[in-house]
C-alpha atoms as a PDB file:
ATOM      1  CA  UNK A   1     -23.647  24.231  46.805  1.00  0.00           C
ATOM      2  CA  UNK A   2     -20.317  22.464  46.634  1.00  0.00           C
ATOM      3  CA  UNK A   3     -17.658  25.002  45.624  1.00  0.00           C
ATOM      4  CA  UNK A   4     -15.306  22.423  44.050  1.00  0.00           C
ATOM      5  CA  UNK A   5     -17.556  21.504  41.072  1.00  0.00           C
ATOM      6  CA  UNK A   6     -18.318  25.186  40.509  1.00  0.00           C
ATOM      7  CA  UNK A   7     -14.638  26.059  40.529  1.00  0.00           C
ATOM      8  CA  UNK A   8     -13.839  23.263  38.096  1.00  0.00           C
ATOM      9  CA  UNK A   9     -16.670  24.369  35.777  1.00  0.00           C
ATOM     10  CA  UNK A  10     -15.191  27.875  35.702  1.00  0.00           C
ATOM     11  CA  UNK A  11     -11.745  26.471  34.994  1.00  0.00           C
ATOM     12  CA  UNK A  12     -13.151  24.175  32.289  1.00  0.00           C
ATOM     13  CA  UNK A  13     -14.807  27.120  30.544  1.00  0.00           C
ATOM     14  CA  UNK A  14     -11.475  28.932  30.524  1.00  0.00           C
ATOM     15  CA  UNK A  15      -9.743  25.884  29.073  1.00  0.00           C
ATOM     16  CA  UNK A  16     -12.447  25.554  26.417  1.00  0.00           C
ATOM     17  CA  UNK A  17     -12.009  29.191  25.413  1.00  0.00           C
ATOM     18  CA  UNK A  18      -8.261  28.634  25.128  1.00  0.00           C
ATOM     19  CA  UNK A  19      -8.691  25.574  22.902  1.00  0.00           C
ATOM     20  CA  UNK A  20     -11.274  27.269  20.667  1.00  0.00           C
ATOM     21  CA  UNK A  21      -9.046  30.319  20.413  1.00  0.00           C
ATOM     22  CA  UNK A  22      -6.242  28.114  19.128  1.00  0.00           C
ATOM     23  CA  UNK A  23      -8.290  27.496  15.953  1.00  0.00           C
ATOM     24  CA  UNK A  24      -7.954  31.145  14.923  1.00  0.00           C
ATOM     25  CA  UNK A  25      -4.416  30.984  13.518  1.00  0.00           C
ATOM     26  CA  UNK A  26      -5.426  30.198   9.933  1.00  0.00           C
ATOM     27  CA  UNK A  27      -3.371  27.012   9.671  1.00  0.00           C
ATOM     28  CA  UNK A  28      -4.457  23.948   7.697  1.00  0.00           C
ATOM     29  CA  UNK A  29      -5.045  22.096  10.965  1.00  0.00           C
ATOM     30  CA  UNK A  30      -7.378  24.917  12.098  1.00  0.00           C
ATOM     31  CA  UNK A  31      -9.991  24.357   9.379  1.00  0.00           C
ATOM     32  CA  UNK A  32     -13.465  23.970  10.892  1.00  0.00           C
ATOM     33  CA  UNK A  33     -15.480  23.346   7.706  1.00  0.00           C
ATOM     34  CA  UNK A  34     -16.766  19.780   7.736  1.00  0.00           C
ATOM     35  CA  UNK A  35     -17.470  17.428   4.829  1.00  0.00           C
ATOM     36  CA  UNK A  36     -15.003  19.285   2.589  1.00  0.00           C
ATOM     37  CA  UNK A  37     -12.645  16.339   2.144  1.00  0.00           C
ATOM     38  CA  UNK A  38     -13.236  12.662   1.373  1.00  0.00           C
ATOM     39  CA  UNK A  39     -14.450  10.571   4.288  1.00  0.00           C
ATOM     40  CA  UNK A  40     -11.926   7.819   4.989  1.00  0.00           C
ATOM     41  CA  UNK A  41     -14.652   5.628   6.506  1.00  0.00           C
ATOM     42  CA  UNK A  42     -16.669   5.780   3.291  1.00  0.00           C
ATOM     43  CA  UNK A  43     -13.528   5.007   1.263  1.00  0.00           C
ATOM     44  CA  UNK A  44     -12.819   1.979   3.462  1.00  0.00           C
ATOM     45  CA  UNK A  45     -16.353   0.724   2.889  1.00  0.00           C
ATOM     46  CA  UNK A  46     -15.924   1.301  -0.843  1.00  0.00           C
ATOM     47  CA  UNK A  47     -12.812  -0.889  -0.780  1.00  0.00           C
ATOM     48  CA  UNK A  48     -14.899  -3.757   0.579  1.00  0.00           C
ATOM     49  CA  UNK A  49     -17.519  -3.222  -2.112  1.00  0.00           C
ATOM     50  CA  UNK A  50     -14.904  -3.041  -4.853  1.00  0.00           C
ATOM     51  CA  UNK A  51     -13.353  -6.267  -3.601  1.00  0.00           C
ATOM     52  CA  UNK A  52     -16.783  -7.880  -3.986  1.00  0.00           C
ATOM     53  CA  UNK A  53     -16.929  -6.653  -7.577  1.00  0.00           C
ATOM     54  CA  UNK A  54     -13.432  -7.995  -8.285  1.00  0.00           C
ATOM     55  CA  UNK A  55     -14.045 -11.318  -6.503  1.00  0.00           C
ATOM     56  CA  UNK A  56     -17.849 -11.792  -6.509  1.00  0.00           C
ATOM     57  CA  UNK A  57     -17.747 -15.285  -5.055  1.00  0.00           C
ATOM     58  CA  UNK A  58     -15.239 -14.547  -2.286  1.00  0.00           C
ATOM     59  CA  UNK A  59     -16.212 -11.217  -0.701  1.00  0.00           C
ATOM     60  CA  UNK A  60     -19.910 -11.450   0.079  1.00  0.00           C
ATOM     61  CA  UNK A  61     -22.168  -9.046   1.926  1.00  0.00           C
ATOM     62  CA  UNK A  62     -23.744 -11.356   4.470  1.00  0.00           C
ATOM     63  CA  UNK A  63     -26.356  -8.753   5.355  1.00  0.00           C
ATOM     64  CA  UNK A  64     -28.365  -9.768   2.299  1.00  0.00           C
ATOM     65  CA  UNK A  65     -30.012 -13.003   1.215  1.00  0.00           C
ATOM     66  CA  UNK A  66     -28.933 -13.499  -2.378  1.00  0.00           C
ATOM     67  CA  UNK A  67     -30.943 -15.653  -4.785  1.00  0.00           C
ATOM     68  CA  UNK A  68     -29.610 -14.159  -8.017  1.00  0.00           C
ATOM     69  CA  UNK A  69     -25.954 -13.038  -7.666  1.00  0.00           C
ATOM     70  CA  UNK A  70     -26.035 -10.924 -10.828  1.00  0.00           C
ATOM     71  CA  UNK A  71     -28.984  -8.918  -9.542  1.00  0.00           C
ATOM     72  CA  UNK A  72     -27.067  -8.262  -6.350  1.00  0.00           C
ATOM     73  CA  UNK A  73     -23.950  -7.260  -8.301  1.00  0.00           C
ATOM     74  CA  UNK A  74     -25.977  -4.871 -10.449  1.00  0.00           C
ATOM     75  CA  UNK A  75     -27.177  -3.125  -7.316  1.00  0.00           C
ATOM     76  CA  UNK A  76     -23.618  -3.114  -5.976  1.00  0.00           C
ATOM     77  CA  UNK A  77     -22.297  -1.408  -9.120  1.00  0.00           C
ATOM     78  CA  UNK A  78     -24.850   1.380  -8.680  1.00  0.00           C
ATOM     79  CA  UNK A  79     -23.989   1.691  -4.984  1.00  0.00           C
ATOM     80  CA  UNK A  80     -20.267   1.959  -5.744  1.00  0.00           C
ATOM     81  CA  UNK A  81     -20.916   4.483  -8.510  1.00  0.00           C
ATOM     82  CA  UNK A  82     -23.037   6.677  -6.239  1.00  0.00           C
ATOM     83  CA  UNK A  83     -20.656   6.789  -3.283  1.00  0.00           C
ATOM     84  CA  UNK A  84     -17.455   6.929  -5.328  1.00  0.00           C
ATOM     85  CA  UNK A  85     -18.862   9.766  -7.432  1.00  0.00           C
ATOM     86  CA  UNK A  86     -19.695  11.755  -4.304  1.00  0.00           C
ATOM     87  CA  UNK A  87     -16.279  11.213  -2.743  1.00  0.00           C
ATOM     88  CA  UNK A  88     -14.474  12.138  -5.955  1.00  0.00           C
ATOM     89  CA  UNK A  89     -16.531  15.334  -6.215  1.00  0.00           C
ATOM     90  CA  UNK A  90     -15.592  16.254  -2.654  1.00  0.00           C
ATOM     91  CA  UNK A  91     -11.917  15.582  -3.366  1.00  0.00           C
ATOM     92  CA  UNK A  92     -11.997  17.693  -6.538  1.00  0.00           C
ATOM     93  CA  UNK A  93     -13.819  20.558  -4.866  1.00  0.00           C
ATOM     94  CA  UNK A  94     -11.331  20.562  -2.015  1.00  0.00           C
ATOM     95  CA  UNK A  95      -8.350  20.719  -4.360  1.00  0.00           C
ATOM     96  CA  UNK A  96      -8.564  22.437  -7.703  1.00  0.00           C
ATOM     97  CA  UNK A  97     -12.034  22.834  -9.201  1.00  0.00           C
ATOM     98  CA  UNK A  98     -14.037  25.617  -7.530  1.00  0.00           C
ATOM     99  CA  UNK A  99     -17.079  25.536  -9.837  1.00  0.00           C
ATOM    100  CA  UNK A 100     -19.680  23.080  -8.524  1.00  0.00           C
ATOM    101  CA  UNK A 101     -21.103  22.263 -11.949  1.00  0.00           C
ATOM    102  CA  UNK A 102     -17.668  21.487 -13.339  1.00  0.00           C
ATOM    103  CA  UNK A 103     -16.914  19.370 -10.286  1.00  0.00           C
ATOM    104  CA  UNK A 104     -20.019  17.230 -10.666  1.00  0.00           C
ATOM    105  CA  UNK A 105     -19.471  16.694 -14.381  1.00  0.00           C
ATOM    106  CA  UNK A 106     -15.808  15.798 -13.932  1.00  0.00           C
ATOM    107  CA  UNK A 107     -16.569  13.457 -11.019  1.00  0.00           C
ATOM    108  CA  UNK A 108     -19.142  11.607 -13.126  1.00  0.00           C
ATOM    109  CA  UNK A 109     -16.680  11.248 -16.010  1.00  0.00           C
ATOM    110  CA  UNK A 110     -13.989   9.885 -13.703  1.00  0.00           C
ATOM    111  CA  UNK A 111     -16.383   7.474 -12.004  1.00  0.00           C
ATOM    112  CA  UNK A 112     -17.591   6.141 -15.353  1.00  0.00           C
ATOM    113  CA  UNK A 113     -14.017   5.767 -16.641  1.00  0.00           C
ATOM    114  CA  UNK A 114     -12.974   3.913 -13.508  1.00  0.00           C
ATOM    115  CA  UNK A 115     -15.905   1.489 -13.677  1.00  0.00           C
ATOM    116  CA  UNK A 116     -15.266   0.925 -17.387  1.00  0.00           C
ATOM    117  CA  UNK A 117     -11.720  -0.094 -16.485  1.00  0.00           C
ATOM    118  CA  UNK A 118     -12.713  -2.717 -13.911  1.00  0.00           C
ATOM    119  CA  UNK A 119     -12.534  -5.644 -16.395  1.00  0.00           C
ATOM    120  CA  UNK A 120      -8.961  -4.636 -17.263  1.00  0.00           C
ATOM    121  CA  UNK A 121      -8.065  -4.381 -13.574  1.00  0.00           C
ATOM    122  CA  UNK A 122      -9.584  -7.827 -12.969  1.00  0.00           C
ATOM    123  CA  UNK A 123      -7.519  -9.230 -15.835  1.00  0.00           C
ATOM    124  CA  UNK A 124      -4.335  -7.864 -14.202  1.00  0.00           C
ATOM    125  CA  UNK A 125      -5.381  -9.219 -10.816  1.00  0.00           C
ATOM    126  CA  UNK A 126      -5.895 -12.636 -12.387  1.00  0.00           C
ATOM    127  CA  UNK A 127      -2.252 -12.627 -13.506  1.00  0.00           C
ATOM    128  CA  UNK A 128      -1.194 -11.723  -9.963  1.00  0.00           C
ATOM    129  CA  UNK A 129      -3.275 -14.623  -8.674  1.00  0.00           C
ATOM    130  CA  UNK A 130      -1.556 -16.995 -11.076  1.00  0.00           C
ATOM    131  CA  UNK A 131       1.867 -15.648 -10.072  1.00  0.00           C
ATOM    132  CA  UNK A 132       1.120 -16.175  -6.379  1.00  0.00           C
ATOM    133  CA  UNK A 133      -0.135 -19.694  -6.903  1.00  0.00           C
ATOM    134  CA  UNK A 134       2.740 -20.670  -9.189  1.00  0.00           C
ATOM    135  CA  UNK A 135       5.352 -18.991  -7.009  1.00  0.00           C
ATOM    136  CA  UNK A 136       4.422 -20.301  -3.569  1.00  0.00           C
ATOM    137  CA  UNK A 137       4.613 -24.061  -2.966  1.00  0.00           C
ATOM    138  CA  UNK A 138       2.713 -23.515   0.293  1.00  0.00           C
ATOM    139  CA  UNK A 139      -0.396 -22.385  -1.609  1.00  0.00           C
ATOM    140  CA  UNK A 140      -2.955 -25.180  -1.685  1.00  0.00           C
ATOM    141  CA  UNK A 141      -5.359 -23.403  -4.051  1.00  0.00           C
ATOM    142  CA  UNK A 142      -6.012 -20.100  -5.752  1.00  0.00           C
ATOM    143  CA  UNK A 143      -8.960 -19.598  -3.420  1.00  0.00           C
ATOM    144  CA  UNK A 144      -6.530 -19.659  -0.498  1.00  0.00           C
ATOM    145  CA  UNK A 145      -4.494 -16.894  -2.141  1.00  0.00           C
ATOM    146  CA  UNK A 146      -7.592 -14.741  -2.671  1.00  0.00           C
ATOM    147  CA  UNK A 147      -8.908 -15.200   0.831  1.00  0.00           C
ATOM    148  CA  UNK A 148      -5.788 -15.344   2.965  1.00  0.00           C
ATOM    149  CA  UNK A 149      -2.700 -13.806   1.316  1.00  0.00           C
ATOM    150  CA  UNK A 150      -1.923 -10.253   2.516  1.00  0.00           C
ATOM    151  CA  UNK A 151       0.384  -9.575  -0.424  1.00  0.00           C
ATOM    152  CA  UNK A 152      -2.334 -10.394  -2.916  1.00  0.00           C
ATOM    153  CA  UNK A 153      -4.817  -8.252  -0.970  1.00  0.00           C
ATOM    154  CA  UNK A 154      -2.456  -5.272  -1.000  1.00  0.00           C
ATOM    155  CA  UNK A 155      -1.708  -5.685  -4.705  1.00  0.00           C
ATOM    156  CA  UNK A 156      -5.420  -5.792  -5.585  1.00  0.00           C
ATOM    157  CA  UNK A 157      -6.184  -2.608  -3.670  1.00  0.00           C
ATOM    158  CA  UNK A 158      -3.164  -0.969  -5.278  1.00  0.00           C
ATOM    159  CA  UNK A 159      -4.435  -1.899  -8.738  1.00  0.00           C
ATOM    160  CA  UNK A 160      -7.754  -0.193  -7.956  1.00  0.00           C
ATOM    161  CA  UNK A 161      -6.098   2.841  -6.386  1.00  0.00           C
ATOM    162  CA  UNK A 162      -3.628   3.189  -9.258  1.00  0.00           C
ATOM    163  CA  UNK A 163      -6.510   3.403 -11.735  1.00  0.00           C
ATOM    164  CA  UNK A 164      -7.949   6.340  -9.789  1.00  0.00           C
ATOM    165  CA  UNK A 165      -4.466   7.860  -9.479  1.00  0.00           C
ATOM    166  CA  UNK A 166      -4.096   7.768 -13.265  1.00  0.00           C
ATOM    167  CA  UNK A 167      -7.435   9.563 -13.548  1.00  0.00           C
ATOM    168  CA  UNK A 168      -5.951  12.372 -11.407  1.00  0.00           C
ATOM    169  CA  UNK A 169      -8.235  11.777  -8.439  1.00  0.00           C
ATOM    170  CA  UNK A 170      -6.804  13.587  -5.396  1.00  0.00           C
ATOM    171  CA  UNK A 171      -6.333  11.953  -1.986  1.00  0.00           C
ATOM    172  CA  UNK A 172      -8.670   8.955  -2.429  1.00  0.00           C
ATOM    173  CA  UNK A 173      -6.057   6.615  -3.971  1.00  0.00           C
ATOM    174  CA  UNK A 174      -3.706   7.326  -1.063  1.00  0.00           C
ATOM    175  CA  UNK A 175      -6.445   6.634   1.485  1.00  0.00           C
ATOM    176  CA  UNK A 176      -7.003   3.279  -0.224  1.00  0.00           C
ATOM    177  CA  UNK A 177      -3.365   2.183  -0.248  1.00  0.00           C
ATOM    178  CA  UNK A 178      -2.781   3.373   3.304  1.00  0.00           C
ATOM    179  CA  UNK A 179      -5.751   1.270   4.362  1.00  0.00           C
ATOM    180  CA  UNK A 180      -4.067  -1.731   2.760  1.00  0.00           C
ATOM    181  CA  UNK A 181      -0.833  -0.683   4.468  1.00  0.00           C
ATOM    182  CA  UNK A 182      -2.529  -0.661   7.871  1.00  0.00           C
ATOM    183  CA  UNK A 183      -4.042  -4.089   7.213  1.00  0.00           C
ATOM    184  CA  UNK A 184      -0.988  -5.825   5.759  1.00  0.00           C
ATOM    185  CA  UNK A 185       2.174  -3.890   6.601  1.00  0.00           C
ATOM    186  CA  UNK A 186       2.744  -3.460   2.830  1.00  0.00           C
ATOM    187  CA  UNK A 187       3.175   0.162   1.725  1.00  0.00           C
ATOM    188  CA  UNK A 188       2.733   0.617  -2.040  1.00  0.00           C
ATOM    189  CA  UNK A 189       2.157   4.146  -3.295  1.00  0.00           C
ATOM    190  CA  UNK A 190      -0.761   4.316  -5.758  1.00  0.00           C
ATOM    191  CA  UNK A 191       1.501   6.056  -8.263  1.00  0.00           C
ATOM    192  CA  UNK A 192       3.793   3.036  -8.635  1.00  0.00           C
ATOM    193  CA  UNK A 193       3.492   1.378 -12.057  1.00  0.00           C
ATOM    194  CA  UNK A 194       3.310  -2.398 -11.720  1.00  0.00           C
ATOM    195  CA  UNK A 195       3.290  -4.914 -14.548  1.00  0.00           C
ATOM    196  CA  UNK A 196       1.568  -8.267 -14.865  1.00  0.00           C
ATOM    197  CA  UNK A 197       2.155 -11.378 -12.759  1.00  0.00           C
ATOM    198  CA  UNK A 198       3.357  -9.473  -9.695  1.00  0.00           C
ATOM    199  CA  UNK A 199       3.887 -11.594  -6.595  1.00  0.00           C
ATOM    200  CA  UNK A 200       4.579 -10.440  -3.037  1.00  0.00           C
ATOM    201  CA  UNK A 201       5.573 -13.328  -0.773  1.00  0.00           C
ATOM    202  CA  UNK A 202       4.902 -12.801   2.963  1.00  0.00           C
ATOM    203  CA  UNK A 203       4.999  -9.058   2.470  1.00  0.00           C
ATOM    204  CA  UNK A 204       5.404  -7.413   5.876  1.00  0.00           C
ATOM    205  CA  UNK A 205       7.577  -4.304   5.738  1.00  0.00           C
ATOM    206  CA  UNK A 206       7.605  -3.849   1.963  1.00  0.00           C
ATOM    207  CA  UNK A 207       7.828  -0.238   0.729  1.00  0.00           C
ATOM    208  CA  UNK A 208       7.303   0.728  -2.917  1.00  0.00           C
ATOM    209  CA  UNK A 209       7.666   4.426  -3.709  1.00  0.00           C
ATOM    210  CA  UNK A 210       5.551   6.651  -5.926  1.00  0.00           C
ATOM    211  CA  UNK A 211       7.691   6.710  -9.080  1.00  0.00           C
ATOM    212  CA  UNK A 212       8.711   3.048  -8.968  1.00  0.00           C
ATOM    213  CA  UNK A 213       8.283   1.084 -12.197  1.00  0.00           C
ATOM    214  CA  UNK A 214       7.963  -2.709 -11.919  1.00  0.00           C
ATOM    215  CA  UNK A 215       7.900  -4.965 -14.967  1.00  0.00           C
ATOM    216  CA  UNK A 216       6.190  -8.293 -15.579  1.00  0.00           C
ATOM    217  CA  UNK A 217       6.812 -11.479 -13.589  1.00  0.00           C
ATOM    218  CA  UNK A 218       8.504  -9.747 -10.653  1.00  0.00           C
ATOM    219  CA  UNK A 219       8.620 -11.409  -7.235  1.00  0.00           C
ATOM    220  CA  UNK A 220       9.585  -9.638  -4.008  1.00  0.00           C
ATOM    221  CA  UNK A 221       9.805 -10.825  -0.425  1.00  0.00           C
ATOM    222  CA  UNK A 222       9.216  -9.227   2.966  1.00  0.00           C
ATOM    223  CA  UNK A 223      11.192  -6.181   4.048  1.00  0.00           C
ATOM    224  CA  UNK A 224      12.099  -5.016   0.538  1.00  0.00           C
ATOM    225  CA  UNK A 225      12.374  -1.263  -0.026  1.00  0.00           C
ATOM    226  CA  UNK A 226      12.078   0.287  -3.478  1.00  0.00           C
ATOM    227  CA  UNK A 227      12.696   3.822  -2.370  1.00  0.00           C
ATOM    228  CA  UNK A 228      14.271   7.197  -2.978  1.00  0.00           C
ATOM    229  CA  UNK A 229      18.005   7.659  -2.566  1.00  0.00           C
ATOM    230  CA  UNK A 230      17.458  10.925  -0.719  1.00  0.00           C
ATOM    231  CA  UNK A 231      14.414  12.986   0.262  1.00  0.00           C
ATOM    232  CA  UNK A 232      16.284  15.958   1.730  1.00  0.00           C
ATOM    233  CA  UNK A 233      14.970  18.117  -1.095  1.00  0.00           C
ATOM    234  CA  UNK A 234      11.431  17.698   0.229  1.00  0.00           C
ATOM    235  CA  UNK A 235       8.738  19.239  -1.980  1.00  0.00           C
ATOM    236  CA  UNK A 236      11.374  20.352  -4.504  1.00  0.00           C
ATOM    237  CA  UNK A 237      11.512  16.696  -5.561  1.00  0.00           C
ATOM    238  CA  UNK A 238       7.754  16.468  -6.138  1.00  0.00           C
ATOM    239  CA  UNK A 239       7.011  15.008  -9.557  1.00  0.00           C
ATOM    240  CA  UNK A 240      10.616  13.991 -10.193  1.00  0.00           C
ATOM    241  CA  UNK A 241      11.719  10.446 -10.850  1.00  0.00           C
ATOM    242  CA  UNK A 242      13.290   9.277  -7.582  1.00  0.00           C
ATOM    243  CA  UNK A 243      12.502   5.551  -7.267  1.00  0.00           C
ATOM    244  CA  UNK A 244      14.000   2.560  -9.089  1.00  0.00           C
ATOM    245  CA  UNK A 245      12.928   0.586 -12.134  1.00  0.00           C
ATOM    246  CA  UNK A 246      12.643  -3.188 -11.812  1.00  0.00           C
ATOM    247  CA  UNK A 247      12.609  -4.916 -15.189  1.00  0.00           C
ATOM    248  CA  UNK A 248      10.891  -8.187 -16.110  1.00  0.00           C
ATOM    249  CA  UNK A 249      11.538 -11.523 -14.397  1.00  0.00           C
ATOM    250  CA  UNK A 250      13.385 -10.115 -11.379  1.00  0.00           C
ATOM    251  CA  UNK A 251      13.332 -11.713  -7.921  1.00  0.00           C
ATOM    252  CA  UNK A 252      14.193  -9.573  -4.876  1.00  0.00           C
ATOM    253  CA  UNK A 253      14.756 -11.404  -1.609  1.00  0.00           C
ATOM    254  CA  UNK A 254      13.986 -10.284   1.940  1.00  0.00           C
ATOM    255  CA  UNK A 255      15.453  -7.086   3.333  1.00  0.00           C
ATOM    256  CA  UNK A 256      16.942  -5.746   0.123  1.00  0.00           C
ATOM    257  CA  UNK A 257      16.977  -1.972  -0.403  1.00  0.00           C
ATOM    258  CA  UNK A 258      17.033  -0.616  -3.954  1.00  0.00           C
ATOM    259  CA  UNK A 259      17.116   3.162  -4.081  1.00  0.00           C
ATOM    260  CA  UNK A 260      17.188   6.010  -6.568  1.00  0.00           C
ATOM    261  CA  UNK A 261      15.540   7.110  -9.786  1.00  0.00           C
ATOM    262  CA  UNK A 262      18.596   6.212 -11.869  1.00  0.00           C
ATOM    263  CA  UNK A 263      18.733   2.683 -10.488  1.00  0.00           C
ATOM    264  CA  UNK A 264      17.544   0.062 -12.962  1.00  0.00           C
ATOM    265  CA  UNK A 265      17.572  -3.641 -12.108  1.00  0.00           C
ATOM    266  CA  UNK A 266      18.038  -5.442 -15.401  1.00  0.00           C
ATOM    267  CA  UNK A 267      15.673  -8.192 -16.452  1.00  0.00           C
ATOM    268  CA  UNK A 268      16.151 -11.763 -15.243  1.00  0.00           C
ATOM    269  CA  UNK A 269      18.259 -10.689 -12.276  1.00  0.00           C
ATOM    270  CA  UNK A 270      18.194 -12.037  -8.722  1.00  0.00           C
ATOM    271  CA  UNK A 271      18.801  -9.669  -5.808  1.00  0.00           C
ATOM    272  CA  UNK A 272      19.807 -11.425  -2.603  1.00  0.00           C
ATOM    273  CA  UNK A 273      18.712 -10.666   0.933  1.00  0.00           C
ATOM    274  CA  UNK A 274      19.842  -7.498   2.748  1.00  0.00           C
ATOM    275  CA  UNK A 275      21.765  -5.977  -0.152  1.00  0.00           C
ATOM    276  CA  UNK A 276      21.860  -2.189  -0.634  1.00  0.00           C
ATOM    277  CA  UNK A 277      21.794  -1.033  -4.253  1.00  0.00           C
ATOM    278  CA  UNK A 278      21.998   2.538  -5.552  1.00  0.00           C
ATOM    279  CA  UNK A 279      23.313   2.000  -9.102  1.00  0.00           C
ATOM    280  CA  UNK A 280      22.093   0.208 -12.242  1.00  0.00           C
ATOM    281  CA  UNK A 281      22.432  -3.557 -12.434  1.00  0.00           C
ATOM    282  CA  UNK A 282      22.751  -5.258 -15.840  1.00  0.00           C
ATOM    283  CA  UNK A 283      20.392  -8.053 -16.925  1.00  0.00           C
ATOM    284  CA  UNK A 284      21.004 -11.649 -15.830  1.00  0.00           C
ATOM    285  CA  UNK A 285      22.886 -10.546 -12.704  1.00  0.00           C
ATOM    286  CA  UNK A 286      22.893 -12.281  -9.329  1.00  0.00           C
ATOM    287  CA  UNK A 287      23.782 -10.108  -6.355  1.00  0.00           C
ATOM    288  CA  UNK A 288      24.386 -11.376  -2.837  1.00  0.00           C
ATOM    289  CA  UNK A 289      26.328 -10.512   0.283  1.00  0.00           C
ATOM    290  CA  UNK A 290      29.387 -12.610   0.973  1.00  0.00           C
ATOM    291  CA  UNK A 291      28.812 -15.124   3.768  1.00  0.00           C
ATOM    292  CA  UNK A 292      28.978 -13.392   7.103  1.00  0.00           C
ATOM    293  CA  UNK A 293      31.254 -14.735   9.796  1.00  0.00           C
ATOM    294  CA  UNK A 294      29.481 -16.399  12.727  1.00  0.00           C
ATOM    295  CA  UNK A 295      31.227 -16.479  16.069  1.00  0.00           C
ATOM    296  CA  UNK A 296      30.142 -18.987  18.740  1.00  0.00           C
ATOM    297  CA  UNK A 297      30.726 -18.392  22.472  1.00  0.00           C
ATOM    298  CA  UNK A 298      29.808 -20.252  25.602  1.00  0.00           C
ATOM    299  CA  UNK A 299      28.467 -18.699  28.792  1.00  0.00           C
ATOM    300  CA  UNK A 300      31.985 -17.761  29.949  1.00  0.00           C
ATOM    301  CA  UNK A 301      32.823 -15.969  26.706  1.00  0.00           C
ATOM    302  CA  UNK A 302      35.167 -18.644  25.334  1.00  0.00           C
ATOM    303  CA  UNK A 303      35.108 -19.062  21.565  1.00  0.00           C
ATOM    304  CA  UNK A 304      33.895 -22.502  20.525  1.00  0.00           C
ATOM    305  CA  UNK A 305      34.275 -24.482  17.341  1.00  0.00           C
ATOM    306  CA  UNK A 306      30.813 -24.666  15.731  1.00  0.00           C
ATOM    307  CA  UNK A 307      31.174 -28.372  15.017  1.00  0.00           C
ATOM    308  CA  UNK A 308      32.337 -29.197  18.600  1.00  0.00           C
ATOM    309  CA  UNK A 309      29.657 -27.717  20.887  1.00  0.00           C
ATOM    310  CA  UNK A 310      30.226 -27.536  24.611  1.00  0.00           C
ATOM    311  CA  UNK A 311      27.754 -29.554  26.656  1.00  0.00           C
ATOM    312  CA  UNK A 312      26.661 -26.576  28.768  1.00  0.00           C
ATOM    313  CA  UNK A 313      27.255 -23.803  26.246  1.00  0.00           C
ATOM    314  CA  UNK A 314      24.923 -20.800  26.105  1.00  0.00           C
ATOM    315  CA  UNK A 315      24.861 -20.506  22.337  1.00  0.00           C
ATOM    316  CA  UNK A 316      24.846 -17.157  20.598  1.00  0.00           C
ATOM    317  CA  UNK A 317      26.109 -15.689  17.372  1.00  0.00           C
ATOM    318  CA  UNK A 318      27.480 -12.320  16.368  1.00  0.00           C
ATOM    319  CA  UNK A 319      27.655 -10.807  12.920  1.00  0.00           C
END
């Protein structure tokens, strides 16, 4: 018998014992009980099913041959209700309701309330669709917005997640919005309150914090942060207002950072690119950074006049 495999097997058993022993410290990361928290894979599948309920003609399940769409949608509603109810019950049991009977009853009530609110969510989403189509001259149709726009996708998932958040469902709303975040680069906390006709243009790098309030007809571009002024207080800040309020008819251009719970951007204002705001702004205000100075140099470091380029210059600019 070859001694090397035998020696490695002995060493592997020792390593296994060490790893298993590391689960005995009683930390949260040491929990071994399975199926005691919502399954993110099931939640991700539920997102796809909910998108089919919101947009029945655009998100189809190609695994089925459909002759009567309403029959298919009826089955889909029951499927969503079953799986969502189970995941909500798991989330409740894991957090704050130890009694199984109470958990099941509460999960059913929440599931029913959420499904009852779907028409209202769809009405809000329809305003977002109109805002995207009206606000982007590159949009050739509303169907293009539904199918292809990451900002619209992220907003729709946030609308669904926010409804569950308002029903005090633990964890699941955050799984939903983080899924949208991973797909689009747009990070909107499910607790954020967003009005009608909300439009995200391009979208990558947008961050909207938990206690943010956004009014109607607001448009924001890529790289915008609606965040907290400071998070050094950690959990002591939990539940406190720490993110800004954006009133109606505000446009926020790329790269702007608006921070703090006391910061209110007054209605009908325009916030220019790359500004940093930590104090209230009155209505009808336009904010921008003064033109930055560009300096042109050739390959030898000589400063050039921008309107008289050198024939062999290696162009660059500094800010």
